[in-house]
PDB file of N, CA and C in Angstrom:
ATOM      1  N   MET A   1     147.005 -38.112  99.093  1.00  0.00           N
ATOM      2  CA  MET A   1     145.244 -37.516  98.468  1.00  0.00           C
ATOM      3  C   MET A   1     144.279 -38.355  98.097  1.00  0.00           C
ATOM      4  N   CYS A   2     143.559 -38.904  98.318  1.00  0.00           N
ATOM      5  CA  CYS A   2     142.912 -39.974  98.084  1.00  0.00           C
ATOM      6  C   CYS A   2     141.810 -39.771  96.623  1.00  0.00           C
ATOM      7  N   LYS A   3     141.862 -40.435  95.557  1.00  0.00           N
ATOM      8  CA  LYS A   3     140.913 -39.768  94.148  1.00  0.00           C
ATOM      9  C   LYS A   3     140.385 -41.001  94.610  1.00  0.00           C
ATOM     10  N   ARG A   4     138.887 -40.021  94.589  1.00  0.00           N
ATOM     11  CA  ARG A   4     137.365 -41.685  94.592  1.00  0.00           C
ATOM     12  C   ARG A   4     137.214 -41.825  93.341  1.00  0.00           C
ATOM     13  N   LYS A   5     136.859 -42.924  93.064  1.00  0.00           N
ATOM     14  CA  LYS A   5     135.679 -42.339  91.461  1.00  0.00           C
ATOM     15  C   LYS A   5     134.576 -42.170  92.034  1.00  0.00           C
ATOM     16  N   LYS A   6     133.833 -41.477  90.920  1.00  0.00           N
ATOM     17  CA  LYS A   6     132.519 -40.800  90.995  1.00  0.00           C
ATOM     18  C   LYS A   6     131.518 -41.740  90.970  1.00  0.00           C
ATOM     19  N   GLN A   7     130.631 -41.860  91.980  1.00  0.00           N
ATOM     20  CA  GLN A   7     129.679 -43.107  92.185  1.00  0.00           C
ATOM     21  C   GLN A   7     128.972 -43.092  91.060  1.00  0.00           C
ATOM     22  N   LEU A   8     128.414 -43.840  90.189  1.00  0.00           N
ATOM     23  CA  LEU A   8     127.050 -43.311  89.532  1.00  0.00           C
ATOM     24  C   LEU A   8     126.150 -43.779  90.126  1.00  0.00           C
ATOM     25  N   PRO A   9     124.854 -43.297  89.710  1.00  0.00           N
ATOM     26  CA  PRO A   9     123.454 -43.596  90.359  1.00  0.00           C
ATOM     27  C   PRO A   9     122.883 -44.899  89.702  1.00  0.00           C
ATOM     28  N   PHE A  10     122.021 -45.543  90.812  1.00  0.00           N
ATOM     29  CA  PHE A  10     121.776 -46.644  90.718  1.00  0.00           C
ATOM     30  C   PHE A  10     120.160 -46.947  89.846  1.00  0.00           C
ATOM     31  N   LEU A  11     119.813 -47.207  88.955  1.00  0.00           N
ATOM     32  CA  LEU A  11     118.555 -47.506  87.912  1.00  0.00           C
ATOM     33  C   LEU A  11     117.915 -48.420  89.089  1.00  0.00           C
ATOM     34  N   ILE A  12     116.706 -47.919  89.136  1.00  0.00           N
ATOM     35  CA  ILE A  12     116.024 -49.280  89.561  1.00  0.00           C
ATOM     36  C   ILE A  12     115.024 -50.160  88.523  1.00  0.00           C
ATOM     37  N   SER A  13     115.198 -50.832  89.152  1.00  0.00           N
ATOM     38  CA  SER A  13     114.501 -52.467  88.146  1.00  0.00           C
ATOM     39  C   SER A  13     113.255 -52.946  88.694  1.00  0.00           C
ATOM     40  N   GLU A  14     111.961 -52.731  88.086  1.00  0.00           N
ATOM     41  CA  GLU A  14     110.982 -53.206  88.360  1.00  0.00           C
ATOM     42  C   GLU A  14     110.614 -54.352  88.290  1.00  0.00           C
ATOM     43  N   MET A  15     110.424 -55.639  89.198  1.00  0.00           N
ATOM     44  CA  MET A  15     110.264 -57.154  89.053  1.00  0.00           C
ATOM     45  C   MET A  15     108.849 -57.543  89.552  1.00  0.00           C
ATOM     46  N   TYR A  16     108.552 -58.201  88.225  1.00  0.00           N
ATOM     47  CA  TYR A  16     106.905 -58.968  88.126  1.00  0.00           C
ATOM     48  C   TYR A  16     106.733 -60.132  88.456  1.00  0.00           C
ATOM     49  N   CYS A  17     106.190 -61.038  89.345  1.00  0.00           N
ATOM     50  CA  CYS A  17     106.308 -62.834  89.392  1.00  0.00           C
ATOM     51  C   CYS A  17     105.877 -63.304  88.414  1.00  0.00           C
ATOM     52  N   THR A  18     106.217 -64.362  88.163  1.00  0.00           N
ATOM     53  CA  THR A  18     105.768 -65.196  86.408  1.00  0.00           C
ATOM     54  C   THR A  18     104.728 -66.053  87.465  1.00  0.00           C
ATOM     55  N   GLN A  19     104.750 -66.148  88.597  1.00  0.00           N
ATOM     56  CA  GLN A  19     103.397 -67.362  88.776  1.00  0.00           C
ATOM     57  C   GLN A  19     101.864 -66.503  88.974  1.00  0.00           C
ATOM     58  N   CYS A  20     102.318 -64.981  89.870  1.00  0.00           N
ATOM     59  CA  CYS A  20     101.024 -64.412  89.778  1.00  0.00           C
ATOM     60  C   CYS A  20     100.767 -63.384  89.092  1.00  0.00           C
ATOM     61  N   GLY A  21     101.914 -62.610  88.497  1.00  0.00           N
ATOM     62  CA  GLY A  21     101.899 -61.466  87.354  1.00  0.00           C
ATOM     63  C   GLY A  21     101.808 -60.302  88.215  1.00  0.00           C
ATOM     64  N   LYS A  22     101.741 -60.172  89.597  1.00  0.00           N
ATOM     65  CA  LYS A  22     101.862 -58.987  90.458  1.00  0.00           C
ATOM     66  C   LYS A  22     103.346 -58.228  90.377  1.00  0.00           C
ATOM     67  N   LYS A  23     103.276 -56.931  90.715  1.00  0.00           N
ATOM     68  CA  LYS A  23     104.589 -56.459  91.056  1.00  0.00           C
ATOM     69  C   LYS A  23     105.141 -56.869  92.432  1.00  0.00           C
ATOM     70  N   GLY A  24     106.389 -57.107  92.174  1.00  0.00           N
ATOM     71  CA  GLY A  24     107.280 -57.422  93.383  1.00  0.00           C
ATOM     72  C   GLY A  24     107.951 -56.355  93.977  1.00  0.00           C
ATOM     73  N   ILE A  25     109.076 -56.500  94.672  1.00  0.00           N
ATOM     74  CA  ILE A  25     109.951 -55.865  95.230  1.00  0.00           C
ATOM     75  C   ILE A  25     110.847 -55.207  94.014  1.00  0.00           C
ATOM     76  N   ASP A  26     111.149 -54.073  93.787  1.00  0.00           N
ATOM     77  CA  ASP A  26     112.469 -53.381  93.240  1.00  0.00           C
ATOM     78  C   ASP A  26     113.722 -53.790  93.243  1.00  0.00           C
ATOM     79  N   ILE A  27     114.320 -53.601  92.345  1.00  0.00           N
ATOM     80  CA  ILE A  27     115.889 -53.839  92.725  1.00  0.00           C
ATOM     81  C   ILE A  27     116.626 -52.573  92.136  1.00  0.00           C
ATOM     82  N   ALA A  28     117.565 -52.323  92.892  1.00  0.00           N
ATOM     83  CA  ALA A  28     118.518 -51.106  92.243  1.00  0.00           C
ATOM     84  C   ALA A  28     119.378 -51.449  91.811  1.00  0.00           C
ATOM     85  N   ARG A  29     120.568 -51.207  90.616  1.00  0.00           N
ATOM     86  CA  ARG A  29     121.585 -52.031  90.279  1.00  0.00           C
ATOM     87  C   ARG A  29     122.461 -50.918  89.307  1.00  0.00           C
ATOM     88  N   ARG A  30     123.658 -51.155  89.676  1.00  0.00           N
ATOM     89  CA  ARG A  30     124.754 -50.134  89.086  1.00  0.00           C
ATOM     90  C   ARG A  30     124.834 -50.166  87.746  1.00  0.00           C
ATOM     91  N   PRO A  31     124.995 -49.129  86.767  1.00  0.00           N
ATOM     92  CA  PRO A  31     125.794 -48.996  85.711  1.00  0.00           C
ATOM     93  C   PRO A  31     126.663 -50.350  85.551  1.00  0.00           C
ATOM     94  N   GLY A  32     126.714 -51.168  84.523  1.00  0.00           N
ATOM     95  CA  GLY A  32     127.645 -51.787  84.093  1.00  0.00           C
ATOM     96  C   GLY A  32     127.121 -53.176  85.012  1.00  0.00           C
ATOM     97  N   LYS A  33     126.479 -53.263  85.866  1.00  0.00           N
ATOM     98  CA  LYS A  33     125.881 -54.587  86.737  1.00  0.00           C
ATOM     99  C   LYS A  33     124.239 -55.037  86.300  1.00  0.00           C
ATOM    100  N   TYR A  34     123.850 -54.131  84.761  1.00  0.00           N
ATOM    101  CA  TYR A  34     122.465 -54.788  84.399  1.00  0.00           C
ATOM    102  C   TYR A  34     122.556 -55.951  83.788  1.00  0.00           C
ATOM    103  N   ARG A  35     121.154 -56.768  83.726  1.00  0.00           N
ATOM    104  CA  ARG A  35     121.057 -57.999  83.017  1.00  0.00           C
ATOM    105  C   ARG A  35     120.081 -57.470  81.634  1.00  0.00           C
ATOM    106  N   GLU A  36     120.312 -58.350  80.846  1.00  0.00           N
ATOM    107  CA  GLU A  36     119.634 -58.464  79.588  1.00  0.00           C
ATOM    108  C   GLU A  36     118.442 -58.186  80.047  1.00  0.00           C
ATOM    109  N   PRO A  37     117.570 -57.377  78.850  1.00  0.00           N
ATOM    110  CA  PRO A  37     115.997 -56.978  79.201  1.00  0.00           C
ATOM    111  C   PRO A  37     115.483 -58.740  79.151  1.00  0.00           C
ATOM    112  N   GLY A  38     114.053 -58.491  80.101  1.00  0.00           N
ATOM    113  CA  GLY A  38     113.804 -59.781  80.406  1.00  0.00           C
ATOM    114  C   GLY A  38     114.253 -60.810  81.241  1.00  0.00           C
ATOM    115  N   HIS A  39     115.172 -60.722  81.866  1.00  0.00           N
ATOM    116  CA  HIS A  39     116.021 -61.458  82.824  1.00  0.00           C
ATOM    117  C   HIS A  39     114.843 -61.985  84.004  1.00  0.00           C
ATOM    118  N   LEU A  40     115.328 -63.382  83.996  1.00  0.00           N
ATOM    119  CA  LEU A  40     114.872 -63.881  85.358  1.00  0.00           C
ATOM    120  C   LEU A  40     115.323 -63.700  86.510  1.00  0.00           C
ATOM    121  N   LYS A  41     115.260 -63.562  87.465  1.00  0.00           N
ATOM    122  CA  LYS A  41     115.637 -64.013  88.647  1.00  0.00           C
ATOM    123  C   LYS A  41     114.688 -64.450  90.021  1.00  0.00           C
ATOM    124  N   LYS A  42     115.206 -65.178  91.087  1.00  0.00           N
ATOM    125  CA  LYS A  42     114.334 -65.985  91.778  1.00  0.00           C
ATOM    126  C   LYS A  42     114.505 -64.976  93.242  1.00  0.00           C
ATOM    127  N   ILE A  43     113.143 -64.539  93.647  1.00  0.00           N
ATOM    128  CA  ILE A  43     113.535 -63.759  94.753  1.00  0.00           C
ATOM    129  C   ILE A  43     112.153 -64.064  95.178  1.00  0.00           C
ATOM    130  N   TYR A  44     111.682 -63.646  96.632  1.00  0.00           N
ATOM    131  CA  TYR A  44     110.621 -63.835  97.438  1.00  0.00           C
ATOM    132  C   TYR A  44     109.241 -62.938  96.819  1.00  0.00           C
ATOM    133  N   CYS A  45     108.516 -63.868  96.488  1.00  0.00           N
ATOM    134  CA  CYS A  45     106.879 -62.945  96.365  1.00  0.00           C
ATOM    135  C   CYS A  45     106.223 -62.605  97.251  1.00  0.00           C
ATOM    136  N   VAL A  46     106.268 -61.401  97.778  1.00  0.00           N
ATOM    137  CA  VAL A  46     104.835 -61.146  98.839  1.00  0.00           C
ATOM    138  C   VAL A  46     103.408 -61.530  98.764  1.00  0.00           C
ATOM    139  N   TYR A  47     103.363 -61.791  97.519  1.00  0.00           N
ATOM    140  CA  TYR A  47     101.615 -62.309  97.427  1.00  0.00           C
ATOM    141  C   TYR A  47     101.921 -63.460  97.337  1.00  0.00           C
ATOM    142  N   CYS A  48     102.591 -64.456  96.589  1.00  0.00           N
ATOM    143  CA  CYS A  48     102.497 -66.271  96.396  1.00  0.00           C
ATOM    144  C   CYS A  48     103.027 -66.609  97.733  1.00  0.00           C
ATOM    145  N   LYS A  49     103.875 -65.608  98.597  1.00  0.00           N
ATOM    146  CA  LYS A  49     104.635 -66.184 100.096  1.00  0.00           C
ATOM    147  C   LYS A  49     105.438 -67.227  99.682  1.00  0.00           C
ATOM    148  N   LYS A  50     106.178 -67.249  98.325  1.00  0.00           N
ATOM    149  CA  LYS A  50     107.690 -67.992  98.540  1.00  0.00           C
ATOM    150  C   LYS A  50     108.103 -67.627  97.582  1.00  0.00           C
ATOM    151  N   GLU A  51     109.305 -68.488  97.394  1.00  0.00           N
ATOM    152  CA  GLU A  51     110.618 -67.589  96.335  1.00  0.00           C
ATOM    153  C   GLU A  51     110.096 -68.193  95.129  1.00  0.00           C
ATOM    154  N   THR A  52     110.117 -67.414  94.051  1.00  0.00           N
ATOM    155  CA  THR A  52     109.542 -67.423  92.450  1.00  0.00           C
ATOM    156  C   THR A  52     110.787 -66.894  91.734  1.00  0.00           C
ATOM    157  N   ASN A  53     110.399 -67.126  90.371  1.00  0.00           N
ATOM    158  CA  ASN A  53     110.790 -66.115  89.231  1.00  0.00           C
ATOM    159  C   ASN A  53     110.738 -65.114  89.177  1.00  0.00           C
ATOM    160  N   HIS A  54     110.772 -63.811  88.718  1.00  0.00           N
ATOM    161  CA  HIS A  54     110.496 -62.745  88.770  1.00  0.00           C
ATOM    162  C   HIS A  54     111.353 -62.190  87.093  1.00  0.00           C
ATOM    163  N   VAL A  55     110.353 -61.369  86.617  1.00  0.00           N
ATOM    164  CA  VAL A  55     111.285 -60.946  85.256  1.00  0.00           C
ATOM    165  C   VAL A  55     111.517 -59.336  85.543  1.00  0.00           C
ATOM    166  N   GLU A  56     112.507 -59.021  85.051  1.00  0.00           N
ATOM    167  CA  GLU A  56     113.291 -57.770  85.655  1.00  0.00           C
ATOM    168  C   GLU A  56     113.134 -56.964  84.228  1.00  0.00           C
ATOM    169  N   ILE A  57     112.468 -55.772  84.646  1.00  0.00           N
ATOM    170  CA  ILE A  57     111.870 -54.804  83.389  1.00  0.00           C
ATOM    171  C   ILE A  57     112.490 -53.372  84.125  1.00  0.00           C
ATOM    172  N   ARG A  58     113.389 -52.826  83.081  1.00  0.00           N
ATOM    173  CA  ARG A  58     114.297 -51.552  83.353  1.00  0.00           C
ATOM    174  C   ARG A  58     113.329 -50.196  82.736  1.00  0.00           C
ATOM    175  N   PRO A  59     113.366 -49.363  83.417  1.00  0.00           N
ATOM    176  CA  PRO A  59     112.298 -48.495  82.971  1.00  0.00           C
ATOM    177  C   PRO A  59     112.660 -47.440  81.652  1.00  0.00           C
ATOM    178  N   PHE A  60     114.185 -47.783  81.588  1.00  0.00           N
ATOM    179  CA  PHE A  60     114.087 -46.694  80.517  1.00  0.00           C
ATOM    180  C   PHE A  60     115.658 -47.714  79.853  1.00  0.00           C
ATOM    181  N   TYR A  61     115.937 -47.621  78.472  1.00  0.00           N
ATOM    182  CA  TYR A  61     116.791 -48.403  77.991  1.00  0.00           C
ATOM    183  C   TYR A  61     116.658 -49.931  77.420  1.00  0.00           C
ATOM    184  N   SER A  62     115.728 -50.203  77.312  1.00  0.00           N
ATOM    185  CA  SER A  62     114.871 -51.733  77.028  1.00  0.00           C
ATOM    186  C   SER A  62     114.128 -51.734  75.938  1.00  0.00           C
ATOM    187  N   ASP A  63     114.197 -53.067  75.584  1.00  0.00           N
ATOM    188  CA  ASP A  63     113.669 -53.422  74.658  1.00  0.00           C
ATOM    189  C   ASP A  63     112.557 -54.428  75.062  1.00  0.00           C
ATOM    190  N   TYR A  64     112.249 -54.403  76.515  1.00  0.00           N
ATOM    191  CA  TYR A  64     111.394 -55.760  76.893  1.00  0.00           C
ATOM    192  C   TYR A  64     110.820 -54.915  77.869  1.00  0.00           C
ATOM    193  N   ASN A  65     109.389 -54.550  77.826  1.00  0.00           N
ATOM    194  CA  ASN A  65     108.494 -53.911  78.938  1.00  0.00           C
ATOM    195  C   ASN A  65     107.582 -54.989  79.418  1.00  0.00           C
ATOM    196  N   LYS A  66     106.976 -53.785  80.158  1.00  0.00           N
ATOM    197  CA  LYS A  66     105.460 -54.485  80.623  1.00  0.00           C
ATOM    198  C   LYS A  66     104.848 -54.942  79.906  1.00  0.00           C
ATOM    199  N   GLN A  67     104.074 -54.305  78.845  1.00  0.00           N
ATOM    200  CA  GLN A  67     103.373 -55.173  77.787  1.00  0.00           C
ATOM    201  C   GLN A  67     103.978 -56.412  77.523  1.00  0.00           C
ATOM    202  N   ASP A  68     105.126 -56.367  77.145  1.00  0.00           N
ATOM    203  CA  ASP A  68     105.491 -57.822  76.644  1.00  0.00           C
ATOM    204  C   ASP A  68     105.816 -58.851  77.848  1.00  0.00           C
ATOM    205  N   PHE A  69     105.750 -58.347  79.205  1.00  0.00           N
ATOM    206  CA  PHE A  69     105.714 -59.303  79.781  1.00  0.00           C
ATOM    207  C   PHE A  69     104.029 -59.439  80.221  1.00  0.00           C
ATOM    208  N   GLU A  70     103.027 -58.765  79.828  1.00  0.00           N
ATOM    209  CA  GLU A  70     101.972 -59.392  79.873  1.00  0.00           C
ATOM    210  C   GLU A  70     101.423 -60.281  78.872  1.00  0.00           C
ATOM    211  N   LEU A  71     101.997 -59.835  77.587  1.00  0.00           N
ATOM    212  CA  LEU A  71     101.909 -60.657  76.570  1.00  0.00           C
ATOM    213  C   LEU A  71     102.480 -62.069  76.597  1.00  0.00           C
ATOM    214  N   GLU A  72     103.279 -62.285  77.450  1.00  0.00           N
ATOM    215  CA  GLU A  72     104.058 -63.492  78.157  1.00  0.00           C
ATOM    216  C   GLU A  72     103.236 -64.024  78.929  1.00  0.00           C
ATOM    217  N   MET A  73     102.533 -63.451  79.837  1.00  0.00           N
ATOM    218  CA  MET A  73     101.412 -63.990  80.884  1.00  0.00           C
ATOM    219  C   MET A  73     100.257 -64.275  80.064  1.00  0.00           C
ATOM    220  N   LYS A  74      99.920 -63.735  79.672  1.00  0.00           N
ATOM    221  CA  LYS A  74      98.528 -64.349  78.777  1.00  0.00           C
ATOM    222  C   LYS A  74      98.711 -65.196  78.085  1.00  0.00           C
ATOM    223  N   HIS A  75      99.783 -65.371  76.978  1.00  0.00           N
ATOM    224  CA  HIS A  75      99.621 -66.609  75.967  1.00  0.00           C
ATOM    225  C   HIS A  75     100.616 -67.614  77.147  1.00  0.00           C
ATOM    226  N   HIS A  76     100.675 -67.623  78.057  1.00  0.00           N
ATOM    227  CA  HIS A  76     101.200 -68.701  79.333  1.00  0.00           C
ATOM    228  C   HIS A  76     102.717 -69.271  78.432  1.00  0.00           C
ATOM    229  N   ASN A  77     103.618 -68.394  78.441  1.00  0.00           N
ATOM    230  CA  ASN A  77     104.861 -68.784  78.163  1.00  0.00           C
ATOM    231  C   ASN A  77     105.583 -68.909  79.389  1.00  0.00           C
ATOM    232  N   PHE A  78     105.157 -69.020  80.850  1.00  0.00           N
ATOM    233  CA  PHE A  78     105.893 -69.587  81.647  1.00  0.00           C
ATOM    234  C   PHE A  78     105.313 -70.792  82.347  1.00  0.00           C
ATOM    235  N   ASN A  79     106.249 -71.696  82.734  1.00  0.00           N
ATOM    236  CA  ASN A  79     105.871 -72.934  83.269  1.00  0.00           C
ATOM    237  C   ASN A  79     105.207 -72.871  84.338  1.00  0.00           C
ATOM    238  N   GLY A  80     105.004 -73.753  84.963  1.00  0.00           N
ATOM    239  CA  GLY A  80     105.210 -74.061  86.871  1.00  0.00           C
ATOM    240  C   GLY A  80     105.872 -73.635  87.830  1.00  0.00           C
ATOM    241  N   ASP A  81     107.292 -73.555  87.111  1.00  0.00           N
ATOM    242  CA  ASP A  81     108.535 -73.406  88.153  1.00  0.00           C
ATOM    243  C   ASP A  81     108.644 -71.906  87.484  1.00  0.00           C
ATOM    244  N   GLY A  82     108.106 -71.226  86.661  1.00  0.00           N
ATOM    245  CA  GLY A  82     108.212 -69.683  86.740  1.00  0.00           C
ATOM    246  C   GLY A  82     109.422 -69.288  85.576  1.00  0.00           C
ATOM    247  N   LYS A  83     110.074 -70.717  84.638  1.00  0.00           N
ATOM    248  CA  LYS A  83     110.936 -70.426  83.702  1.00  0.00           C
ATOM    249  C   LYS A  83     109.850 -70.383  82.672  1.00  0.00           C
ATOM    250  N   ARG A  84     110.907 -69.476  81.805  1.00  0.00           N
ATOM    251  CA  ARG A  84     110.079 -69.845  80.055  1.00  0.00           C
ATOM    252  C   ARG A  84     110.140 -70.570  79.084  1.00  0.00           C
ATOM    253  N   ILE A  85     109.191 -71.106  78.495  1.00  0.00           N
ATOM    254  CA  ILE A  85     108.978 -72.145  77.989  1.00  0.00           C
ATOM    255  C   ILE A  85     109.784 -71.865  76.456  1.00  0.00           C
ATOM    256  N   LYS A  86     109.382 -70.751  75.727  1.00  0.00           N
ATOM    257  CA  LYS A  86     110.486 -70.618  74.738  1.00  0.00           C
ATOM    258  C   LYS A  86     111.400 -69.085  75.129  1.00  0.00           C
ATOM    259  N   PRO A  87     112.524 -69.226  74.364  1.00  0.00           N
ATOM    260  CA  PRO A  87     113.161 -67.738  74.827  1.00  0.00           C
ATOM    261  C   PRO A  87     111.715 -66.444  74.122  1.00  0.00           C
ATOM    262  N   TYR A  88     112.025 -65.179  74.652  1.00  0.00           N
ATOM    263  CA  TYR A  88     111.035 -64.322  74.324  1.00  0.00           C
ATOM    264  C   TYR A  88     111.097 -63.848  72.709  1.00  0.00           C
ATOM    265  N   ARG A  89     112.325 -63.725  72.077  1.00  0.00           N
ATOM    266  CA  ARG A  89     112.261 -63.515  70.811  1.00  0.00           C
ATOM    267  C   ARG A  89     111.669 -64.745  69.889  1.00  0.00           C
ATOM    268  N   ILE A  90     112.086 -65.751  70.116  1.00  0.00           N
ATOM    269  CA  ILE A  90     111.546 -66.775  69.507  1.00  0.00           C
ATOM    270  C   ILE A  90     110.029 -66.880  69.752  1.00  0.00           C
ATOM    271  N   PHE A  91     109.518 -66.939  70.779  1.00  0.00           N
ATOM    272  CA  PHE A  91     108.064 -66.844  71.313  1.00  0.00           C
ATOM    273  C   PHE A  91     107.535 -65.540  70.414  1.00  0.00           C
ATOM    274  N   ARG A  92     107.676 -64.424  70.349  1.00  0.00           N
ATOM    275  CA  ARG A  92     107.265 -63.435  69.913  1.00  0.00           C
ATOM    276  C   ARG A  92     107.067 -63.412  68.277  1.00  0.00           C
ATOM    277  N   GLY A  93     108.262 -63.817  67.865  1.00  0.00           N
ATOM    278  CA  GLY A  93     108.275 -64.331  66.346  1.00  0.00           C
ATOM    279  C   GLY A  93     107.409 -65.439  65.919  1.00  0.00           C
ATOM    280  N   GLU A  94     106.878 -66.306  66.422  1.00  0.00           N
ATOM    281  CA  GLU A  94     105.914 -67.133  66.504  1.00  0.00           C
ATOM    282  C   GLU A  94     104.374 -66.866  66.910  1.00  0.00           C
ATOM    283  N   LEU A  95     104.506 -65.753  67.736  1.00  0.00           N
ATOM    284  CA  LEU A  95     103.119 -65.276  67.730  1.00  0.00           C
ATOM    285  C   LEU A  95     102.812 -64.443  66.498  1.00  0.00           C
ATOM    286  N   LYS A  96     103.808 -63.308  66.076  1.00  0.00           N
ATOM    287  CA  LYS A  96     103.639 -62.623  64.982  1.00  0.00           C
ATOM    288  C   LYS A  96     103.201 -63.647  63.772  1.00  0.00           C
ATOM    289  N   GLN A  97     103.859 -64.342  63.509  1.00  0.00           N
ATOM    290  CA  GLN A  97     103.265 -65.470  62.509  1.00  0.00           C
ATOM    291  C   GLN A  97     102.173 -65.965  62.778  1.00  0.00           C
ATOM    292  N   LYS A  98     101.724 -66.199  63.405  1.00  0.00           N
ATOM    293  CA  LYS A  98      99.985 -66.745  63.972  1.00  0.00           C
ATOM    294  C   LYS A  98      99.087 -65.312  63.386  1.00  0.00           C
ATOM    295  N   GLU A  99      99.612 -64.403  63.902  1.00  0.00           N
ATOM    296  CA  GLU A  99      98.642 -63.010  63.932  1.00  0.00           C
ATOM    297  C   GLU A  99      98.764 -62.806  62.291  1.00  0.00           C
ATOM    298  N   ARG A 100      99.413 -63.222  61.492  1.00  0.00           N
ATOM    299  CA  ARG A 100      99.649 -62.897  60.105  1.00  0.00           C
ATOM    300  C   ARG A 100      98.787 -64.087  59.507  1.00  0.00           C
ATOM    301  N   TYR A 101      98.792 -65.199  59.498  1.00  0.00           N
ATOM    302  CA  TYR A 101      97.557 -65.839  59.333  1.00  0.00           C
ATOM    303  C   TYR A 101      96.330 -65.811  60.045  1.00  0.00           C
ATOM    304  N   VAL A 102      95.908 -65.496  61.048  1.00  0.00           N
ATOM    305  CA  VAL A 102      94.716 -65.446  61.298  1.00  0.00           C
ATOM    306  C   VAL A 102      93.788 -64.195  60.885  1.00  0.00           C
TER     307      VAL A 102
END
């Protein structure tokens, strides 16, 4: 008799393009295969019509959400290639410093 491991459900991660800022194709990940919050993944953008970096946002158990992505887009924390100029934690800390002195 074969004992099969119980398959854990997939969690869907939303992907947002770092070039145009629009929602791209979602990705399903198994538990244990999750990436860090705000992970960049190079996939095809249906709006830009080319392969670009996308930010991964998990709906649950994440300290990086859509508002964080929008904040990075607003303050231009992504370069022309779609890579982060500064890591998100450093970027957020510097932004809070500026807000404190304004």
